Amino acid sequence: MKYIFAGHYHANAGGRDGDLEIVVTGPVGLPLRGAKSGMRFVTVTESGITHNYWELSEIPETLTTQ
């Protein structure tokens, strides 16, 4: 699997084409289209890449990798 991570779209978005996943993360400051401010956390390990988006009020106090 291959990934492209991008931002500055003012909303969360993404898509797939074969083994390519495109992940767009909206802004913290001025989200549009009903999105809420938040952050995306990306974990890169030898076994692959995972990513999670949390609204600011939902960010866990601790993060663990799998």
N, C-alpha and C. Protein backbone atom coordinates (compact mmCIF):
# COMPACT_ATOMS: atom_id res chain seq x y z
N MET A 1 0.84 -1.17 0.00
CA MET A 1 0.00 0.00 0.00
C MET A 1 0.89 1.24 0.00
N LYS A 2 0.47 2.26 -0.74
CA LYS A 2 1.18 3.54 -0.79
C LYS A 2 0.22 4.62 -0.32
N TYR A 3 0.76 5.67 0.32
CA TYR A 3 -0.06 6.71 0.90
C TYR A 3 0.43 8.08 0.46
N ILE A 4 -0.53 9.00 0.33
CA ILE A 4 -0.24 10.43 0.19
C ILE A 4 -1.06 11.12 1.27
N PHE A 5 -0.40 11.89 2.14
CA PHE A 5 -1.07 12.67 3.17
C PHE A 5 -0.97 14.14 2.79
N ALA A 6 -2.09 14.85 2.87
CA ALA A 6 -2.12 16.26 2.49
C ALA A 6 -3.03 17.02 3.44
N GLY A 7 -2.99 18.33 3.35
CA GLY A 7 -3.82 19.17 4.20
C GLY A 7 -4.24 20.44 3.47
N HIS A 8 -4.75 21.37 4.23
CA HIS A 8 -5.20 22.69 3.77
C HIS A 8 -6.37 22.61 2.79
N TYR A 9 -7.29 21.72 3.03
CA TYR A 9 -8.49 21.59 2.23
C TYR A 9 -9.71 22.11 3.00
N HIS A 10 -9.56 22.40 4.27
CA HIS A 10 -10.61 22.86 5.18
C HIS A 10 -11.69 21.81 5.43
N ALA A 11 -11.35 20.55 5.17
CA ALA A 11 -12.24 19.43 5.48
C ALA A 11 -11.43 18.15 5.38
N ASN A 12 -11.92 17.08 5.97
CA ASN A 12 -11.29 15.78 5.82
C ASN A 12 -11.82 15.14 4.54
N ALA A 13 -10.94 14.49 3.81
CA ALA A 13 -11.34 13.85 2.55
C ALA A 13 -10.33 12.76 2.23
N GLY A 14 -10.58 12.03 1.19
CA GLY A 14 -9.63 11.02 0.76
C GLY A 14 -10.24 10.09 -0.26
N GLY A 15 -9.42 9.17 -0.70
CA GLY A 15 -9.88 8.20 -1.67
C GLY A 15 -8.81 7.16 -1.92
N ARG A 16 -9.14 6.17 -2.71
CA ARG A 16 -8.22 5.09 -3.06
C ARG A 16 -8.24 4.85 -4.56
N ASP A 17 -7.09 4.45 -5.06
CA ASP A 17 -6.97 4.02 -6.45
C ASP A 17 -5.98 2.86 -6.44
N GLY A 18 -6.50 1.66 -6.50
CA GLY A 18 -5.63 0.49 -6.41
C GLY A 18 -4.95 0.44 -5.05
N ASP A 19 -3.61 0.41 -5.04
CA ASP A 19 -2.88 0.34 -3.77
C ASP A 19 -2.46 1.72 -3.27
N LEU A 20 -3.02 2.79 -3.83
CA LEU A 20 -2.71 4.16 -3.40
C LEU A 20 -3.87 4.72 -2.59
N GLU A 21 -3.59 5.17 -1.36
CA GLU A 21 -4.60 5.83 -0.53
C GLU A 21 -4.20 7.29 -0.35
N ILE A 22 -5.13 8.20 -0.63
CA ILE A 22 -4.90 9.63 -0.44
C ILE A 22 -5.72 10.06 0.76
N VAL A 23 -5.05 10.71 1.74
CA VAL A 23 -5.70 11.13 2.98
C VAL A 23 -5.50 12.64 3.13
N VAL A 24 -6.60 13.37 3.18
CA VAL A 24 -6.54 14.83 3.34
C VAL A 24 -7.11 15.16 4.71
N THR A 25 -6.34 15.89 5.51
CA THR A 25 -6.76 16.27 6.85
C THR A 25 -7.10 17.75 6.87
N GLY A 26 -8.26 18.07 7.40
CA GLY A 26 -8.70 19.46 7.48
C GLY A 26 -7.89 20.24 8.51
N PRO A 27 -8.14 21.54 8.60
CA PRO A 27 -7.37 22.41 9.48
C PRO A 27 -7.84 22.31 10.93
N VAL A 28 -7.00 22.78 11.83
CA VAL A 28 -7.40 22.90 13.22
C VAL A 28 -8.23 24.17 13.39
N GLY A 29 -7.90 25.22 12.62
CA GLY A 29 -8.48 26.54 12.84
C GLY A 29 -9.83 26.83 12.21
N LEU A 30 -10.06 26.47 10.95
CA LEU A 30 -11.30 26.86 10.28
C LEU A 30 -11.84 25.73 9.42
N PRO A 31 -12.36 24.66 10.04
CA PRO A 31 -12.92 23.57 9.25
C PRO A 31 -14.25 23.99 8.62
N LEU A 32 -14.50 23.48 7.43
CA LEU A 32 -15.74 23.77 6.71
C LEU A 32 -16.53 22.48 6.48
N ARG A 33 -17.70 22.59 5.88
CA ARG A 33 -18.54 21.45 5.51
C ARG A 33 -18.93 20.58 6.71
N GLY A 34 -19.14 21.19 7.85
CA GLY A 34 -19.57 20.45 9.03
C GLY A 34 -18.47 19.73 9.78
N ALA A 35 -17.22 19.84 9.31
CA ALA A 35 -16.10 19.18 10.00
C ALA A 35 -15.82 19.89 11.32
N LYS A 36 -15.16 19.20 12.21
CA LYS A 36 -14.77 19.78 13.50
C LYS A 36 -13.25 19.82 13.57
N SER A 37 -12.72 20.77 14.32
CA SER A 37 -11.28 20.88 14.50
C SER A 37 -10.72 19.63 15.13
N GLY A 38 -9.58 19.18 14.64
CA GLY A 38 -8.97 17.98 15.17
C GLY A 38 -7.59 17.76 14.61
N MET A 39 -7.06 16.58 14.85
CA MET A 39 -5.72 16.21 14.40
C MET A 39 -5.71 14.77 13.91
N ARG A 40 -4.87 14.51 12.93
CA ARG A 40 -4.67 13.14 12.46
C ARG A 40 -3.32 12.66 12.99
N PHE A 41 -3.29 11.47 13.56
CA PHE A 41 -2.08 10.85 14.05
C PHE A 41 -1.74 9.68 13.14
N VAL A 42 -0.52 9.69 12.62
CA VAL A 42 -0.07 8.66 11.69
C VAL A 42 1.01 7.84 12.38
N THR A 43 0.87 6.52 12.36
CA THR A 43 1.86 5.62 12.93
C THR A 43 2.49 4.82 11.80
N VAL A 44 3.82 4.89 11.73
CA VAL A 44 4.56 4.16 10.70
C VAL A 44 5.40 3.09 11.39
N THR A 45 5.17 1.83 11.05
CA THR A 45 5.94 0.72 11.59
C THR A 45 6.41 -0.16 10.44
N GLU A 46 7.23 -1.14 10.75
CA GLU A 46 7.69 -2.06 9.71
C GLU A 46 6.54 -2.81 9.06
N SER A 47 5.46 -3.02 9.81
CA SER A 47 4.33 -3.78 9.27
C SER A 47 3.33 -2.92 8.50
N GLY A 48 3.49 -1.60 8.52
CA GLY A 48 2.58 -0.77 7.74
C GLY A 48 2.32 0.58 8.36
N ILE A 49 1.32 1.27 7.81
CA ILE A 49 0.94 2.60 8.25
C ILE A 49 -0.52 2.57 8.70
N THR A 50 -0.80 3.19 9.85
CA THR A 50 -2.17 3.38 10.30
C THR A 50 -2.35 4.86 10.59
N HIS A 51 -3.59 5.33 10.48
CA HIS A 51 -3.85 6.73 10.80
C HIS A 51 -5.24 6.87 11.39
N ASN A 52 -5.36 7.79 12.34
CA ASN A 52 -6.62 8.06 13.02
C ASN A 52 -6.80 9.55 13.14
N TYR A 53 -8.03 10.01 12.95
CA TYR A 53 -8.37 11.42 13.13
C TYR A 53 -9.24 11.54 14.37
N TRP A 54 -8.87 12.47 15.24
CA TRP A 54 -9.67 12.73 16.43
C TRP A 54 -10.02 14.20 16.48
N GLU A 55 -11.28 14.49 16.80
CA GLU A 55 -11.66 15.87 17.10
C GLU A 55 -10.90 16.29 18.34
N LEU A 56 -10.68 17.60 18.51
CA LEU A 56 -9.86 18.07 19.63
C LEU A 56 -10.38 17.58 20.97
N SER A 57 -11.68 17.49 21.13
CA SER A 57 -12.25 17.03 22.41
C SER A 57 -12.11 15.53 22.62
N GLU A 58 -11.69 14.79 21.59
CA GLU A 58 -11.61 13.33 21.67
C GLU A 58 -10.18 12.78 21.68
N ILE A 59 -9.18 13.64 21.60
CA ILE A 59 -7.79 13.17 21.53
C ILE A 59 -7.46 12.44 22.83
N PRO A 60 -6.99 11.20 22.74
CA PRO A 60 -6.67 10.43 23.96
C PRO A 60 -5.47 11.04 24.69
N GLU A 61 -5.41 10.78 25.97
CA GLU A 61 -4.30 11.29 26.77
C GLU A 61 -2.99 10.58 26.43
N THR A 62 -3.08 9.32 26.04
CA THR A 62 -1.89 8.56 25.64
C THR A 62 -2.17 7.84 24.33
N LEU A 63 -1.12 7.68 23.55
CA LEU A 63 -1.22 6.96 22.29
C LEU A 63 -0.29 5.77 22.34
N THR A 64 -0.73 4.67 21.79
CA THR A 64 0.12 3.48 21.72
C THR A 64 0.21 3.03 20.28
N THR A 65 1.30 2.42 19.92
CA THR A 65 1.45 1.87 18.58
C THR A 65 1.15 0.39 18.64
N GLN A 66 0.72 -0.15 17.51
CA GLN A 66 0.38 -1.57 17.47
C GLN A 66 1.31 -2.31 16.57
